[in-house]
Protein backbone atom coordinates (compact mmCIF):
# COMPACT_ATOMS: atom_id res chain seq x y z
CA MET A 1 -72.22 39.06 22.60
CA THR A 2 -72.71 35.70 20.97
CA LEU A 3 -69.61 34.41 19.26
CA LYS A 4 -70.06 32.27 16.17
CA ILE A 5 -67.26 29.73 16.11
CA THR A 6 -66.21 29.01 12.55
CA ASN A 7 -63.35 26.95 11.17
CA ALA A 8 -61.27 30.14 11.10
CA THR A 9 -62.13 30.85 14.73
CA GLU A 10 -61.06 27.33 15.68
CA GLN A 11 -57.71 27.74 13.94
CA ILE A 12 -57.02 31.06 15.63
CA LEU A 13 -58.00 29.72 19.04
CA ASP A 14 -55.68 26.76 18.51
CA VAL A 15 -52.76 29.10 17.86
CA LEU A 16 -53.63 31.29 20.87
CA GLN A 17 -53.84 28.23 23.12
CA GLU A 18 -50.12 27.78 22.50
CA GLY A 19 -49.41 31.30 23.79
CA ARG A 20 -49.46 34.97 22.88
CA ALA A 21 -49.47 35.80 19.19
CA THR A 22 -49.59 38.65 16.70
CA PRO A 23 -51.96 38.70 13.73
CA GLY A 24 -49.01 38.13 11.38
CA TYR A 25 -47.93 35.05 13.30
CA ILE A 26 -51.50 33.72 13.36
CA GLN A 27 -51.75 34.28 9.61
CA ARG A 28 -48.52 32.37 8.95
CA GLU A 29 -49.49 29.49 11.25
CA THR A 30 -53.02 29.07 9.87
CA GLY A 31 -52.73 30.17 6.25
CA LEU A 32 -55.82 32.34 6.74
CA ALA A 33 -56.18 35.63 4.86
CA ARG A 34 -55.09 38.77 6.69
CA ASN A 35 -58.65 40.17 6.65
CA THR A 36 -60.03 36.94 8.10
CA VAL A 37 -57.52 37.00 10.95
CA HIS A 38 -58.26 40.64 11.76
CA ASN A 39 -62.05 40.16 11.58
CA GLN A 40 -61.88 37.09 13.80
CA LEU A 41 -59.62 38.81 16.33
CA ASN A 42 -62.02 41.77 16.47
CA ALA A 43 -64.91 39.39 17.14
CA LEU A 44 -62.88 37.59 19.82
CA LEU A 45 -62.00 40.95 21.43
CA ALA A 46 -65.65 42.02 21.43
CA ALA A 47 -66.61 38.73 23.08
CA ASP A 48 -63.88 39.20 25.75
CA VAL A 49 -62.22 35.97 24.65
CA VAL A 50 -58.87 37.62 23.91
CA VAL A 51 -57.11 40.75 25.15
CA TYR A 52 -54.39 42.98 23.82
CA VAL A 53 -51.21 42.34 25.74
CA ASP A 54 -49.35 45.02 23.78
CA GLU A 55 -51.61 47.06 21.54
CA PRO A 56 -48.88 48.80 19.49
CA THR A 57 -47.49 45.47 18.31
CA GLY A 58 -50.88 43.76 18.15
CA LEU A 59 -49.94 41.04 20.61
CA TYR A 60 -52.99 39.02 21.69
CA GLU A 61 -53.56 36.59 24.52
CA LEU A 62 -56.36 34.10 25.04
CA VAL A 63 -58.38 34.84 28.18
CA GLU A 64 -60.92 32.02 27.98
CA ASP A 65 -61.50 29.44 25.29
CA PRO A 66 -65.20 29.67 24.36
CA ARG A 67 -65.09 26.08 23.11
CA ASN A 68 -64.81 25.01 26.74
CA ASP A 69 -68.07 26.74 27.71
CA ASP A 70 -70.44 24.00 28.82
CA ASP A 71 -73.14 26.48 29.84
CA THR A 72 -74.32 27.33 26.31
CA ALA A 73 -78.05 27.17 25.81
């Protein structure tokens, strides 16, 4: 899946680079709308960029930062 990196994506990736985070924490840190955070996290999950560490609490962890991918065509 191709991941479109938007300003919102950048902000969320920046937070996740600092460590594990919940959607609520990401929302507070970035000022993004709740829907935006959830939509972006779903896209990041689908692209295998993040994983659930603890699904019941919604704790996410960055697996690989797609901004570091030098093999894009």
